[in-house]
N, C-alpha and C. Protein backbone atom coordinates (compact mmCIF):
# COMPACT_ATOMS: atom_id res chain seq x y z
N MET A 1 191.13 36.58 151.19
CA MET A 1 192.42 37.25 151.08
C MET A 1 192.21 38.75 150.92
N ALA A 2 193.31 39.48 151.05
CA ALA A 2 193.24 40.94 150.96
C ALA A 2 192.93 41.39 149.53
N THR A 3 192.69 42.68 149.38
CA THR A 3 192.44 43.28 148.06
C THR A 3 193.62 44.15 147.67
N LEU A 4 194.17 43.89 146.50
CA LEU A 4 195.31 44.64 145.97
C LEU A 4 194.83 45.73 145.03
N LEU A 5 195.28 46.95 145.28
CA LEU A 5 195.05 48.06 144.35
C LEU A 5 196.37 48.35 143.63
N LEU A 6 196.36 48.18 142.32
CA LEU A 6 197.53 48.48 141.50
C LEU A 6 197.38 49.88 140.94
N LEU A 7 198.27 50.76 141.31
CA LEU A 7 198.25 52.15 140.85
C LEU A 7 199.41 52.38 139.90
N ARG A 8 199.09 52.79 138.67
CA ARG A 8 200.17 53.18 137.77
C ARG A 8 200.55 54.63 138.08
N HIS A 9 201.81 54.94 137.96
CA HIS A 9 202.28 56.31 138.17
C HIS A 9 201.60 57.28 137.20
N GLY A 10 201.62 58.56 137.53
CA GLY A 10 201.07 59.57 136.64
C GLY A 10 201.93 59.77 135.40
N ARG A 11 201.41 60.54 134.46
CA ARG A 11 202.11 60.76 133.20
C ARG A 11 203.47 61.41 133.43
N THR A 12 204.45 60.98 132.64
CA THR A 12 205.80 61.51 132.75
C THR A 12 206.16 62.34 131.53
N THR A 13 207.31 63.00 131.63
CA THR A 13 207.80 63.76 130.48
C THR A 13 208.08 62.83 129.30
N ALA A 14 208.53 61.61 129.58
CA ALA A 14 208.79 60.64 128.51
C ALA A 14 207.49 60.20 127.86
N ASN A 15 206.45 59.94 128.67
CA ASN A 15 205.14 59.59 128.11
C ASN A 15 204.66 60.67 127.17
N ALA A 16 204.79 61.92 127.59
CA ALA A 16 204.30 63.05 126.80
C ALA A 16 205.08 63.21 125.50
N ASP A 17 206.36 62.85 125.52
CA ASP A 17 207.21 63.02 124.34
C ASP A 17 207.24 61.78 123.45
N GLY A 18 206.52 60.72 123.84
CA GLY A 18 206.51 59.51 123.03
C GLY A 18 207.76 58.68 123.16
N GLY A 19 208.43 58.78 124.32
CA GLY A 19 209.65 58.02 124.53
C GLY A 19 209.45 56.85 125.47
N LEU A 20 210.43 55.96 125.51
CA LEU A 20 210.40 54.80 126.41
C LEU A 20 211.38 55.08 127.55
N ALA A 21 210.84 55.38 128.71
CA ALA A 21 211.68 55.77 129.83
C ALA A 21 212.45 54.61 130.42
N GLY A 22 211.79 53.45 130.52
CA GLY A 22 212.44 52.32 131.17
C GLY A 22 212.77 52.64 132.61
N ARG A 23 214.01 52.38 132.99
CA ARG A 23 214.43 52.61 134.37
C ARG A 23 215.17 53.93 134.56
N GLN A 24 215.09 54.80 133.57
CA GLN A 24 215.71 56.12 133.70
C GLN A 24 214.94 56.96 134.73
N PRO A 25 215.61 57.93 135.36
CA PRO A 25 214.97 58.75 136.40
C PRO A 25 214.06 59.83 135.82
N VAL A 26 213.06 59.40 135.08
CA VAL A 26 212.13 60.32 134.45
C VAL A 26 211.06 60.72 135.48
N GLU A 27 210.72 62.00 135.51
CA GLU A 27 209.78 62.51 136.52
C GLU A 27 208.42 62.80 135.91
N LEU A 28 207.45 63.03 136.79
CA LEU A 28 206.11 63.40 136.34
C LEU A 28 206.13 64.76 135.68
N ASP A 29 205.28 64.94 134.66
CA ASP A 29 205.09 66.29 134.11
C ASP A 29 203.90 66.93 134.83
N ASP A 30 203.50 68.12 134.38
CA ASP A 30 202.40 68.82 135.06
C ASP A 30 201.12 68.01 135.04
N THR A 31 200.84 67.36 133.90
CA THR A 31 199.64 66.53 133.81
C THR A 31 199.74 65.35 134.78
N GLY A 32 200.90 64.75 134.86
CA GLY A 32 201.10 63.62 135.76
C GLY A 32 200.92 64.01 137.22
N ARG A 33 201.40 65.19 137.58
CA ARG A 33 201.23 65.64 138.96
C ARG A 33 199.75 65.89 139.27
N ALA A 34 199.04 66.46 138.30
CA ALA A 34 197.60 66.67 138.49
C ALA A 34 196.87 65.33 138.60
N GLN A 35 197.28 64.35 137.80
CA GLN A 35 196.67 63.03 137.86
C GLN A 35 196.91 62.38 139.23
N ALA A 36 198.12 62.52 139.74
CA ALA A 36 198.45 61.93 141.04
C ALA A 36 197.63 62.57 142.15
N THR A 37 197.47 63.88 142.09
CA THR A 37 196.65 64.57 143.10
C THR A 37 195.21 64.11 143.01
N ALA A 38 194.70 63.96 141.79
CA ALA A 38 193.31 63.56 141.60
C ALA A 38 193.06 62.14 142.10
N VAL A 39 193.97 61.23 141.82
CA VAL A 39 193.76 59.85 142.29
C VAL A 39 193.90 59.80 143.81
N GLY A 40 194.68 60.70 144.37
CA GLY A 40 194.79 60.77 145.82
C GLY A 40 193.46 61.10 146.47
N ALA A 41 192.69 62.00 145.84
CA ALA A 41 191.36 62.34 146.36
C ALA A 41 190.44 61.12 146.33
N ARG A 42 190.62 60.27 145.32
CA ARG A 42 189.80 59.06 145.22
C ARG A 42 190.21 58.01 146.23
N LEU A 43 191.49 57.99 146.57
CA LEU A 43 192.00 57.01 147.52
C LEU A 43 191.82 57.45 148.97
N ALA A 44 191.56 58.73 149.16
CA ALA A 44 191.44 59.26 150.52
C ALA A 44 190.35 58.52 151.28
N GLY A 45 190.67 58.15 152.49
CA GLY A 45 189.69 57.46 153.32
C GLY A 45 189.75 55.95 153.24
N LEU A 46 190.45 55.41 152.23
CA LEU A 46 190.57 53.96 152.15
C LEU A 46 191.56 53.48 153.22
N PRO A 47 191.21 52.46 153.96
CA PRO A 47 192.09 51.97 155.03
C PRO A 47 193.20 51.08 154.48
N LEU A 48 194.23 51.71 153.92
CA LEU A 48 195.30 50.95 153.28
C LEU A 48 196.21 50.32 154.33
N ALA A 49 196.28 49.01 154.31
CA ALA A 49 197.10 48.29 155.29
C ALA A 49 198.58 48.38 154.95
N ALA A 50 198.91 48.59 153.69
CA ALA A 50 200.30 48.72 153.26
C ALA A 50 200.34 49.46 151.94
N VAL A 51 201.41 50.20 151.73
CA VAL A 51 201.66 50.88 150.46
C VAL A 51 203.07 50.49 150.01
N VAL A 52 203.15 49.89 148.83
CA VAL A 52 204.41 49.39 148.30
C VAL A 52 204.66 50.07 146.96
N THR A 53 205.91 50.30 146.62
CA THR A 53 206.19 51.02 145.39
C THR A 53 207.43 50.51 144.67
N SER A 54 207.43 50.70 143.37
CA SER A 54 208.63 50.59 142.57
C SER A 54 209.63 51.64 143.07
N PRO A 55 210.91 51.36 142.96
CA PRO A 55 211.89 52.34 143.43
C PRO A 55 212.04 53.56 142.53
N LEU A 56 211.48 53.55 141.33
CA LEU A 56 211.71 54.65 140.39
C LEU A 56 210.99 55.92 140.84
N ILE A 57 211.59 57.06 140.53
CA ILE A 57 211.14 58.33 141.08
C ILE A 57 209.72 58.68 140.65
N ARG A 58 209.30 58.28 139.45
CA ARG A 58 207.97 58.65 139.02
C ARG A 58 206.88 57.99 139.87
N CYS A 59 207.16 56.80 140.38
CA CYS A 59 206.21 56.15 141.28
C CYS A 59 206.25 56.82 142.66
N ARG A 60 207.43 57.13 143.13
CA ARG A 60 207.55 57.77 144.44
C ARG A 60 206.92 59.17 144.43
N GLN A 61 207.08 59.90 143.32
CA GLN A 61 206.44 61.21 143.20
C GLN A 61 204.91 61.08 143.20
N THR A 62 204.43 60.05 142.51
CA THR A 62 202.98 59.83 142.45
C THR A 62 202.42 59.61 143.85
N LEU A 63 203.10 58.81 144.65
CA LEU A 63 202.62 58.53 146.00
C LEU A 63 202.78 59.74 146.92
N GLU A 64 203.82 60.52 146.72
CA GLU A 64 203.99 61.73 147.53
C GLU A 64 202.81 62.68 147.36
N LEU A 65 202.28 62.74 146.14
CA LEU A 65 201.14 63.61 145.87
C LEU A 65 199.82 62.94 146.21
N ALA A 66 199.70 61.66 145.91
CA ALA A 66 198.43 60.96 146.12
C ALA A 66 198.20 60.60 147.57
N LEU A 67 199.25 60.14 148.24
CA LEU A 67 199.12 59.65 149.62
C LEU A 67 200.24 60.25 150.47
N PRO A 68 200.18 61.55 150.73
CA PRO A 68 201.30 62.22 151.41
C PRO A 68 201.56 61.72 152.82
N ASP A 69 200.58 61.10 153.45
CA ASP A 69 200.78 60.61 154.82
C ASP A 69 201.26 59.16 154.87
N ALA A 70 201.35 58.52 153.72
CA ALA A 70 201.76 57.12 153.68
C ALA A 70 203.28 57.01 153.80
N GLU A 71 203.73 55.84 154.19
CA GLU A 71 205.16 55.52 154.27
C GLU A 71 205.41 54.32 153.35
N PRO A 72 205.57 54.57 152.07
CA PRO A 72 205.70 53.46 151.12
C PRO A 72 206.95 52.62 151.36
N VAL A 73 206.80 51.33 151.11
CA VAL A 73 207.93 50.41 151.18
C VAL A 73 208.38 50.12 149.74
N VAL A 74 209.64 50.29 149.47
CA VAL A 74 210.17 50.06 148.13
C VAL A 74 210.39 48.56 147.91
N ASP A 75 209.91 48.06 146.78
CA ASP A 75 210.11 46.66 146.41
C ASP A 75 210.65 46.61 145.00
N GLU A 76 211.86 46.10 144.85
CA GLU A 76 212.51 46.02 143.54
C GLU A 76 211.71 45.15 142.56
N GLY A 77 210.88 44.25 143.09
CA GLY A 77 210.08 43.40 142.21
C GLY A 77 209.06 44.16 141.39
N LEU A 78 208.77 45.40 141.80
CA LEU A 78 207.78 46.21 141.10
C LEU A 78 208.41 47.20 140.12
N ILE A 79 209.73 47.14 139.95
CA ILE A 79 210.40 48.10 139.06
C ILE A 79 209.99 47.85 137.61
N GLU A 80 210.13 48.89 136.81
CA GLU A 80 209.81 48.80 135.39
C GLU A 80 210.62 47.70 134.71
N CYS A 81 210.10 47.18 133.63
CA CYS A 81 210.85 46.21 132.83
C CYS A 81 212.17 46.82 132.40
N GLY A 82 213.22 46.02 132.43
CA GLY A 82 214.52 46.51 131.99
C GLY A 82 214.61 46.46 130.47
N TYR A 83 214.36 47.59 129.83
CA TYR A 83 214.33 47.63 128.36
C TYR A 83 215.72 47.75 127.74
N GLY A 84 216.75 47.82 128.56
CA GLY A 84 218.12 47.81 128.04
C GLY A 84 218.40 48.92 127.06
N ASP A 85 218.90 48.53 125.88
CA ASP A 85 219.29 49.52 124.87
C ASP A 85 218.11 50.31 124.32
N TRP A 86 216.90 49.85 124.58
CA TRP A 86 215.72 50.56 124.09
C TRP A 86 215.41 51.81 124.93
N GLU A 87 215.90 51.86 126.14
CA GLU A 87 215.56 52.96 127.03
C GLU A 87 216.01 54.30 126.48
N GLY A 88 215.14 55.28 126.60
CA GLY A 88 215.45 56.63 126.17
C GLY A 88 215.18 56.89 124.70
N GLN A 89 214.78 55.88 123.95
CA GLN A 89 214.50 56.05 122.53
C GLN A 89 213.01 56.31 122.29
N SER A 90 212.71 56.88 121.14
CA SER A 90 211.31 57.17 120.82
C SER A 90 210.61 55.89 120.39
N LEU A 91 209.34 55.81 120.70
CA LEU A 91 208.56 54.64 120.31
C LEU A 91 208.44 54.53 118.79
N LYS A 92 208.41 55.66 118.10
CA LYS A 92 208.34 55.63 116.63
C LYS A 92 209.58 54.96 116.05
N LYS A 93 210.73 55.27 116.61
CA LYS A 93 211.97 54.66 116.14
C LYS A 93 211.99 53.18 116.50
N LEU A 94 211.58 52.85 117.70
CA LEU A 94 211.61 51.46 118.14
C LEU A 94 210.66 50.58 117.34
N ALA A 95 209.59 51.18 116.83
CA ALA A 95 208.61 50.41 116.05
C ALA A 95 209.21 49.85 114.76
N LYS A 96 210.38 50.35 114.36
CA LYS A 96 211.05 49.85 113.16
C LYS A 96 212.04 48.74 113.47
N GLU A 97 212.26 48.45 114.74
CA GLU A 97 213.20 47.41 115.14
C GLU A 97 212.62 46.01 114.88
N PRO A 98 213.45 45.03 114.52
CA PRO A 98 212.96 43.67 114.29
C PRO A 98 212.30 43.06 115.53
N LEU A 99 212.69 43.51 116.71
CA LEU A 99 212.13 42.97 117.95
C LEU A 99 210.71 43.48 118.21
N TRP A 100 210.34 44.59 117.59
CA TRP A 100 209.05 45.22 117.88
C TRP A 100 207.86 44.26 117.63
N PRO A 101 207.79 43.58 116.48
CA PRO A 101 206.66 42.66 116.27
C PRO A 101 206.62 41.53 117.29
N VAL A 102 207.77 41.12 117.77
CA VAL A 102 207.81 40.08 118.80
C VAL A 102 207.20 40.61 120.10
N VAL A 103 207.56 41.83 120.46
CA VAL A 103 207.00 42.47 121.66
C VAL A 103 205.49 42.59 121.54
N GLN A 104 205.00 42.87 120.35
CA GLN A 104 203.58 43.05 120.14
C GLN A 104 202.81 41.74 120.07
N GLN A 105 203.38 40.75 119.42
CA GLN A 105 202.63 39.52 119.12
C GLN A 105 203.04 38.32 119.96
N HIS A 106 204.28 38.30 120.46
CA HIS A 106 204.79 37.14 121.18
C HIS A 106 205.69 37.62 122.32
N PRO A 107 205.15 38.47 123.21
CA PRO A 107 206.01 39.08 124.23
C PRO A 107 206.70 38.09 125.16
N SER A 108 206.14 36.89 125.31
CA SER A 108 206.80 35.91 126.18
C SER A 108 208.17 35.50 125.64
N ALA A 109 208.42 35.76 124.36
CA ALA A 109 209.71 35.43 123.74
C ALA A 109 210.61 36.66 123.61
N ALA A 110 210.13 37.82 124.05
CA ALA A 110 210.88 39.06 123.86
C ALA A 110 211.90 39.26 124.98
N ALA A 111 213.15 39.44 124.59
CA ALA A 111 214.21 39.78 125.53
C ALA A 111 214.92 41.01 124.97
N PHE A 112 214.98 42.07 125.77
CA PHE A 112 215.52 43.34 125.28
C PHE A 112 217.04 43.33 125.31
N PRO A 113 217.70 43.86 124.27
CA PRO A 113 219.16 43.86 124.21
C PRO A 113 219.76 44.57 125.42
N GLN A 114 220.65 43.87 126.11
CA GLN A 114 221.29 44.39 127.33
C GLN A 114 220.26 44.68 128.43
N GLY A 115 219.10 44.03 128.34
CA GLY A 115 218.05 44.29 129.31
C GLY A 115 217.42 43.01 129.83
N GLU A 116 216.15 43.08 130.12
CA GLU A 116 215.39 42.00 130.74
C GLU A 116 214.42 41.40 129.74
N SER A 117 214.05 40.16 129.94
CA SER A 117 213.00 39.58 129.13
C SER A 117 211.65 39.92 129.75
N MET A 118 210.62 39.96 128.94
CA MET A 118 209.28 40.23 129.45
C MET A 118 208.79 39.10 130.34
N ALA A 119 209.21 37.87 130.03
CA ALA A 119 208.83 36.75 130.87
C ALA A 119 209.43 36.89 132.26
N ALA A 120 210.68 37.34 132.34
CA ALA A 120 211.33 37.53 133.64
C ALA A 120 210.65 38.66 134.40
N MET A 121 210.31 39.74 133.70
CA MET A 121 209.59 40.85 134.33
C MET A 121 208.28 40.37 134.93
N SER A 122 207.53 39.60 134.16
CA SER A 122 206.25 39.09 134.64
C SER A 122 206.42 38.21 135.87
N ALA A 123 207.39 37.31 135.82
CA ALA A 123 207.58 36.37 136.91
C ALA A 123 207.93 37.07 138.22
N ARG A 124 208.85 38.03 138.18
CA ARG A 124 209.25 38.67 139.44
C ARG A 124 208.19 39.63 139.95
N ALA A 125 207.42 40.28 139.04
CA ALA A 125 206.35 41.17 139.49
C ALA A 125 205.20 40.39 140.13
N VAL A 126 204.80 39.30 139.49
CA VAL A 126 203.73 38.46 140.05
C VAL A 126 204.16 37.88 141.39
N ALA A 127 205.40 37.42 141.47
CA ALA A 127 205.90 36.88 142.74
C ALA A 127 205.87 37.94 143.83
N ALA A 128 206.23 39.17 143.48
CA ALA A 128 206.26 40.25 144.47
C ALA A 128 204.87 40.56 145.02
N VAL A 129 203.88 40.71 144.14
CA VAL A 129 202.55 41.08 144.64
C VAL A 129 201.88 39.92 145.37
N ARG A 130 202.12 38.70 144.92
CA ARG A 130 201.53 37.56 145.63
C ARG A 130 202.14 37.40 147.02
N ALA A 131 203.44 37.64 147.14
CA ALA A 131 204.08 37.56 148.45
C ALA A 131 203.56 38.65 149.38
N TRP A 132 203.44 39.86 148.86
CA TRP A 132 202.91 40.96 149.67
C TRP A 132 201.46 40.70 150.05
N ASP A 133 200.68 40.16 149.13
CA ASP A 133 199.27 39.90 149.42
C ASP A 133 199.13 38.87 150.54
N ALA A 134 199.95 37.83 150.50
CA ALA A 134 199.91 36.82 151.55
C ALA A 134 200.31 37.42 152.89
N ARG A 135 201.31 38.29 152.86
CA ARG A 135 201.77 38.93 154.10
C ARG A 135 200.70 39.86 154.68
N VAL A 136 200.10 40.68 153.82
CA VAL A 136 199.06 41.60 154.30
C VAL A 136 197.86 40.82 154.83
N SER A 137 197.48 39.78 154.13
CA SER A 137 196.35 38.97 154.56
C SER A 137 196.61 38.33 155.93
N ALA A 138 197.84 37.82 156.11
CA ALA A 138 198.19 37.18 157.38
C ALA A 138 198.22 38.17 158.52
N GLU A 139 198.68 39.39 158.24
CA GLU A 139 198.84 40.37 159.31
C GLU A 139 197.59 41.20 159.59
N HIS A 140 196.76 41.41 158.54
CA HIS A 140 195.63 42.33 158.69
C HIS A 140 194.27 41.70 158.41
N GLY A 141 194.26 40.46 157.94
CA GLY A 141 192.99 39.78 157.71
C GLY A 141 192.49 39.91 156.29
N PRO A 142 191.47 39.13 155.94
CA PRO A 142 190.97 39.07 154.56
C PRO A 142 190.24 40.32 154.09
N GLU A 143 189.87 41.21 155.01
CA GLU A 143 189.21 42.45 154.59
C GLU A 143 190.20 43.57 154.30
N ALA A 144 191.47 43.30 154.46
CA ALA A 144 192.49 44.34 154.28
C ALA A 144 192.60 44.77 152.82
N VAL A 145 192.98 46.03 152.63
CA VAL A 145 193.23 46.59 151.30
C VAL A 145 194.64 47.16 151.31
N TRP A 146 195.41 46.88 150.28
CA TRP A 146 196.76 47.43 150.20
C TRP A 146 197.02 47.91 148.78
N LEU A 147 198.03 48.73 148.60
CA LEU A 147 198.28 49.39 147.32
C LEU A 147 199.72 49.18 146.87
N ALA A 148 199.88 48.94 145.58
CA ALA A 148 201.21 48.85 144.97
C ALA A 148 201.26 49.81 143.79
N CYS A 149 202.26 50.68 143.78
CA CYS A 149 202.43 51.64 142.68
C CYS A 149 203.53 51.14 141.76
N SER A 150 203.19 50.99 140.48
CA SER A 150 204.15 50.41 139.54
C SER A 150 203.96 51.01 138.15
N HIS A 151 204.28 50.22 137.13
CA HIS A 151 204.39 50.70 135.76
C HIS A 151 203.45 49.94 134.82
N GLY A 152 203.23 50.51 133.64
CA GLY A 152 202.23 49.98 132.73
C GLY A 152 202.40 48.51 132.38
N ASP A 153 203.56 48.13 131.86
CA ASP A 153 203.76 46.74 131.45
C ASP A 153 203.76 45.80 132.66
N VAL A 154 204.28 46.27 133.78
CA VAL A 154 204.28 45.46 135.00
C VAL A 154 202.85 45.17 135.44
N ILE A 155 202.02 46.20 135.47
CA ILE A 155 200.62 46.03 135.88
C ILE A 155 199.89 45.12 134.90
N LYS A 156 200.13 45.30 133.62
CA LYS A 156 199.48 44.45 132.62
C LYS A 156 199.86 42.98 132.80
N ALA A 157 201.12 42.74 133.14
CA ALA A 157 201.57 41.37 133.35
C ALA A 157 200.90 40.76 134.59
N ILE A 158 200.75 41.54 135.64
CA ILE A 158 200.08 41.06 136.85
C ILE A 158 198.62 40.76 136.56
N VAL A 159 197.97 41.61 135.78
CA VAL A 159 196.57 41.39 135.42
C VAL A 159 196.44 40.13 134.57
N ALA A 160 197.34 39.94 133.62
CA ALA A 160 197.28 38.74 132.77
C ALA A 160 197.38 37.48 133.63
N ASP A 161 198.28 37.50 134.61
CA ASP A 161 198.39 36.36 135.51
C ASP A 161 197.10 36.14 136.28
N ALA A 162 196.49 37.22 136.77
CA ALA A 162 195.25 37.10 137.53
C ALA A 162 194.13 36.54 136.68
N LEU A 163 194.10 36.89 135.41
CA LEU A 163 193.07 36.40 134.51
C LEU A 163 193.36 34.99 134.00
N GLY A 164 194.57 34.50 134.27
CA GLY A 164 194.93 33.18 133.78
C GLY A 164 195.17 33.12 132.29
N VAL A 165 195.57 34.26 131.71
CA VAL A 165 195.84 34.28 130.28
C VAL A 165 197.35 34.31 130.04
N HIS A 166 197.77 33.80 128.91
CA HIS A 166 199.18 33.73 128.55
C HIS A 166 199.74 35.14 128.41
N LEU A 167 201.01 35.29 128.75
CA LEU A 167 201.66 36.59 128.62
C LEU A 167 201.58 37.12 127.19
N ASP A 168 201.48 36.24 126.20
CA ASP A 168 201.37 36.70 124.81
C ASP A 168 200.09 37.49 124.56
N LEU A 169 199.14 37.44 125.48
CA LEU A 169 197.89 38.18 125.31
C LEU A 169 197.86 39.46 126.15
N PHE A 170 198.94 39.76 126.85
CA PHE A 170 198.87 40.89 127.78
C PHE A 170 198.81 42.24 127.09
N GLN A 171 199.17 42.31 125.81
CA GLN A 171 199.06 43.58 125.09
C GLN A 171 197.61 43.99 124.85
N ARG A 172 196.67 43.11 125.13
CA ARG A 172 195.25 43.46 125.02
C ARG A 172 194.76 44.25 126.23
N ILE A 173 195.57 44.31 127.27
CA ILE A 173 195.20 44.97 128.52
C ILE A 173 195.72 46.40 128.51
N VAL A 174 194.96 47.32 129.09
CA VAL A 174 195.35 48.73 129.15
C VAL A 174 195.51 49.15 130.61
N ALA A 175 196.58 49.88 130.89
CA ALA A 175 196.79 50.47 132.22
C ALA A 175 197.26 51.90 132.02
N ASP A 176 196.32 52.84 132.05
CA ASP A 176 196.62 54.25 131.80
C ASP A 176 197.34 54.89 132.99
N PRO A 177 198.01 56.03 132.76
CA PRO A 177 198.63 56.73 133.87
C PRO A 177 197.62 57.05 134.97
N ALA A 178 198.03 56.83 136.21
CA ALA A 178 197.23 57.12 137.41
C ALA A 178 195.95 56.30 137.49
N SER A 179 195.89 55.19 136.74
CA SER A 179 194.72 54.32 136.82
C SER A 179 194.84 53.37 138.00
N VAL A 180 193.69 52.87 138.45
CA VAL A 180 193.64 51.92 139.56
C VAL A 180 193.05 50.61 139.03
N THR A 181 193.72 49.53 139.32
CA THR A 181 193.26 48.19 139.00
C THR A 181 193.21 47.39 140.30
N ALA A 182 192.13 46.67 140.52
CA ALA A 182 191.96 45.94 141.78
C ALA A 182 191.88 44.45 141.53
N ILE A 183 192.64 43.70 142.31
CA ILE A 183 192.67 42.23 142.24
C ILE A 183 192.49 41.67 143.64
N ARG A 184 191.64 40.66 143.74
CA ARG A 184 191.47 39.96 145.01
C ARG A 184 191.90 38.51 144.81
N TYR A 185 192.97 38.12 145.47
CA TYR A 185 193.46 36.75 145.40
C TYR A 185 192.70 35.88 146.39
N THR A 186 192.42 34.65 146.01
CA THR A 186 191.80 33.67 146.91
C THR A 186 192.56 32.36 146.78
N PRO A 187 192.31 31.39 147.64
CA PRO A 187 193.05 30.12 147.55
C PRO A 187 192.89 29.41 146.21
N LEU A 188 191.75 29.58 145.54
CA LEU A 188 191.50 28.88 144.28
C LEU A 188 191.85 29.71 143.07
N ARG A 189 191.45 30.98 143.07
CA ARG A 189 191.64 31.82 141.88
C ARG A 189 191.66 33.29 142.29
N PRO A 190 192.33 34.14 141.48
CA PRO A 190 192.21 35.59 141.68
C PRO A 190 190.94 36.10 141.02
N PHE A 191 190.42 37.21 141.52
CA PHE A 191 189.31 37.90 140.89
C PHE A 191 189.78 39.30 140.47
N LEU A 192 189.57 39.65 139.20
CA LEU A 192 189.84 41.00 138.73
C LEU A 192 188.61 41.84 139.04
N VAL A 193 188.71 42.70 140.04
CA VAL A 193 187.56 43.46 140.54
C VAL A 193 187.38 44.77 139.80
N ARG A 194 188.48 45.39 139.39
CA ARG A 194 188.42 46.68 138.69
C ARG A 194 189.62 46.74 137.76
N LEU A 195 189.45 47.31 136.58
CA LEU A 195 190.54 47.40 135.61
C LEU A 195 190.64 48.80 135.02
N ASN A 196 191.85 49.38 135.07
CA ASN A 196 192.13 50.66 134.41
C ASN A 196 191.10 51.73 134.79
N ASP A 197 190.78 51.82 136.06
CA ASP A 197 189.78 52.77 136.55
C ASP A 197 190.43 54.13 136.73
N THR A 198 189.97 55.12 135.99
CA THR A 198 190.56 56.46 136.06
C THR A 198 189.58 57.51 136.61
N GLY A 199 188.46 57.06 137.16
CA GLY A 199 187.52 58.01 137.74
C GLY A 199 186.45 57.31 138.54
N GLY A 200 185.87 58.02 139.49
CA GLY A 200 184.78 57.43 140.25
C GLY A 200 185.19 57.01 141.65
N ASP A 201 184.21 56.56 142.39
CA ASP A 201 184.38 56.20 143.79
C ASP A 201 185.09 54.85 143.93
N LEU A 202 186.07 54.79 144.82
CA LEU A 202 186.81 53.56 145.05
C LEU A 202 186.42 52.90 146.37
N SER A 203 185.52 53.50 147.12
CA SER A 203 185.19 52.96 148.44
C SER A 203 184.57 51.57 148.37
N ALA A 204 183.92 51.25 147.24
CA ALA A 204 183.29 49.94 147.11
C ALA A 204 184.31 48.82 147.03
N LEU A 205 185.59 49.14 146.85
CA LEU A 205 186.62 48.12 146.78
C LEU A 205 187.02 47.59 148.16
N VAL A 206 186.56 48.26 149.21
CA VAL A 206 186.83 47.77 150.56
C VAL A 206 185.82 46.68 150.89
N PRO A 207 186.26 45.44 151.12
CA PRO A 207 185.31 44.37 151.40
C PRO A 207 184.53 44.64 152.68
N PRO A 208 183.24 44.34 152.70
CA PRO A 208 182.47 44.51 153.93
C PRO A 208 182.91 43.50 154.98
N PRO A 209 182.71 43.81 156.26
CA PRO A 209 183.06 42.83 157.31
C PRO A 209 182.31 41.53 157.09
N ARG A 210 182.97 40.45 157.38
CA ARG A 210 182.34 39.15 157.21
C ARG A 210 181.22 38.95 158.22
N LYS A 211 180.13 38.39 157.73
CA LYS A 211 179.05 38.03 158.62
C LYS A 211 179.28 36.60 159.11
N ARG A 212 178.97 36.39 160.37
CA ARG A 212 179.11 35.04 160.91
C ARG A 212 177.94 34.18 160.45
N ARG A 213 178.27 33.13 159.73
CA ARG A 213 177.26 32.21 159.25
C ARG A 213 177.72 30.79 159.51
N ARG A 214 176.80 29.92 159.48
CA ARG A 214 177.16 28.51 159.58
C ARG A 214 178.01 28.14 158.37
N ARG A 215 179.08 27.41 158.62
CA ARG A 215 180.05 27.09 157.57
C ARG A 215 179.40 26.47 156.34
N ALA A 216 178.44 25.59 156.53
CA ALA A 216 177.82 24.90 155.40
C ALA A 216 176.96 25.82 154.56
N ALA A 217 176.54 26.96 155.13
CA ALA A 217 175.63 27.85 154.42
C ALA A 217 176.37 28.90 153.59
N ARG A 218 177.69 29.03 153.80
CA ARG A 218 178.44 30.10 153.13
C ARG A 218 179.27 29.54 152.00
N PRO A 219 179.14 30.10 150.78
CA PRO A 219 179.98 29.62 149.68
C PRO A 219 181.46 29.82 150.00
N ALA A 220 182.28 29.01 149.44
CA ALA A 220 183.72 29.13 149.64
C ALA A 220 184.20 30.48 149.13
N GLU A 221 185.27 30.98 149.79
CA GLU A 221 185.80 32.29 149.43
C GLU A 221 186.21 32.37 147.97
N SER A 222 186.66 31.27 147.41
CA SER A 222 187.14 31.25 146.03
C SER A 222 186.04 31.07 145.01
N ASP A 223 184.80 30.82 145.46
CA ASP A 223 183.71 30.58 144.52
C ASP A 223 183.28 31.87 143.83
N ALA A 224 183.01 31.77 142.53
CA ALA A 224 182.43 32.90 141.80
C ALA A 224 180.93 32.94 142.05
N ALA A 225 180.38 34.14 142.03
CA ALA A 225 178.93 34.30 142.24
C ALA A 225 178.20 33.89 140.97
N VAL A 226 177.48 32.80 141.04
CA VAL A 226 176.72 32.34 139.88
C VAL A 226 175.63 33.37 139.57
N GLY A 227 175.56 33.79 138.30
CA GLY A 227 174.61 34.82 137.93
C GLY A 227 175.17 36.22 138.03
N GLY A 228 176.37 36.37 138.60
CA GLY A 228 177.00 37.69 138.65
C GLY A 228 177.05 38.31 140.03
N GLY A 229 176.13 37.90 140.93
CA GLY A 229 176.16 38.43 142.28
C GLY A 229 175.58 39.82 142.39
N ALA A 230 175.58 40.33 143.64
CA ALA A 230 174.96 41.62 143.93
C ALA A 230 175.95 42.77 143.94
N GLY A 231 177.22 42.49 143.74
CA GLY A 231 178.22 43.54 143.76
C GLY A 231 178.65 43.88 145.19
N ALA A 232 179.45 44.94 145.29
CA ALA A 232 180.01 45.31 146.59
C ALA A 232 178.95 45.71 147.60
N ALA A 233 177.83 46.23 147.12
CA ALA A 233 176.79 46.69 148.05
C ALA A 233 175.89 45.58 148.50
N GLY A 234 176.07 44.32 147.94
CA GLY A 234 175.20 43.22 148.27
C GLY A 234 175.51 42.55 149.58
C-alpha cells in the first residue's frame, strides 16, 4: 500500500498565546510560517501522488508555503476536533474545567459542550485517511507517497489507530507543529514508519521499486521484519 505523510500545520497565534483555536480561523504566526517553509525544503523532491488538507486556514497556509506548486484537495474528515464552547479559551482556564481530567485520562468518553466527541473525531479522521490511502494505492500503486495536512489531536488519533492502541492512550503521542509522521497501511496491519519528525531527510520514506521475485521467496507485504530489518536503504 501507499505511504501516508501526516503533516501538522505550523505554529499559530493561538498556539503561541496558549489558547485552544479549534475550528476558528486562526492563522500561522511568524514562527509557524518559518516552520512551514522549512518543512517544505524537506518535502521538496518527494513524488507526492496526492496532497489533502483540512479546510482550516492554518493548514492551507502551511501548504501554500511548504508545497507552493501543489493543488491540495480539501477533506472535511481532516478538520480539527470540534471543541465547541472550549474554542477560543486559554488552556490554563480550561484545565480547571471538570471535563479536563476526562480529556486527559479517558478521552474516548470526552464530548465537548456544543461540540464533537473525541471518539467521533477519531472515527471520521481514520476513515478519511484510510479511504484516501486505498484510493492513492489503487491509482498510483504501492510505492506511492501522499500527504495529509491536519491538526495535533487528529494526527494523534490516526497514529493511535495505526498502533492499535485505545484512544484513551492517545495523549501519550506527540505531534508538534510542522512535524511529519509517516504511516504505511498494509492488508494485515499499519506500520508507523516515522513519528513527530521535525528535522532531517525525508527521502528514505519513499519506498524503493519492488524487485521481481518468485512469490514463495518474498515475505508478505504485511509481515514485520523479524530482527528489525535493514531499513529503507536495505
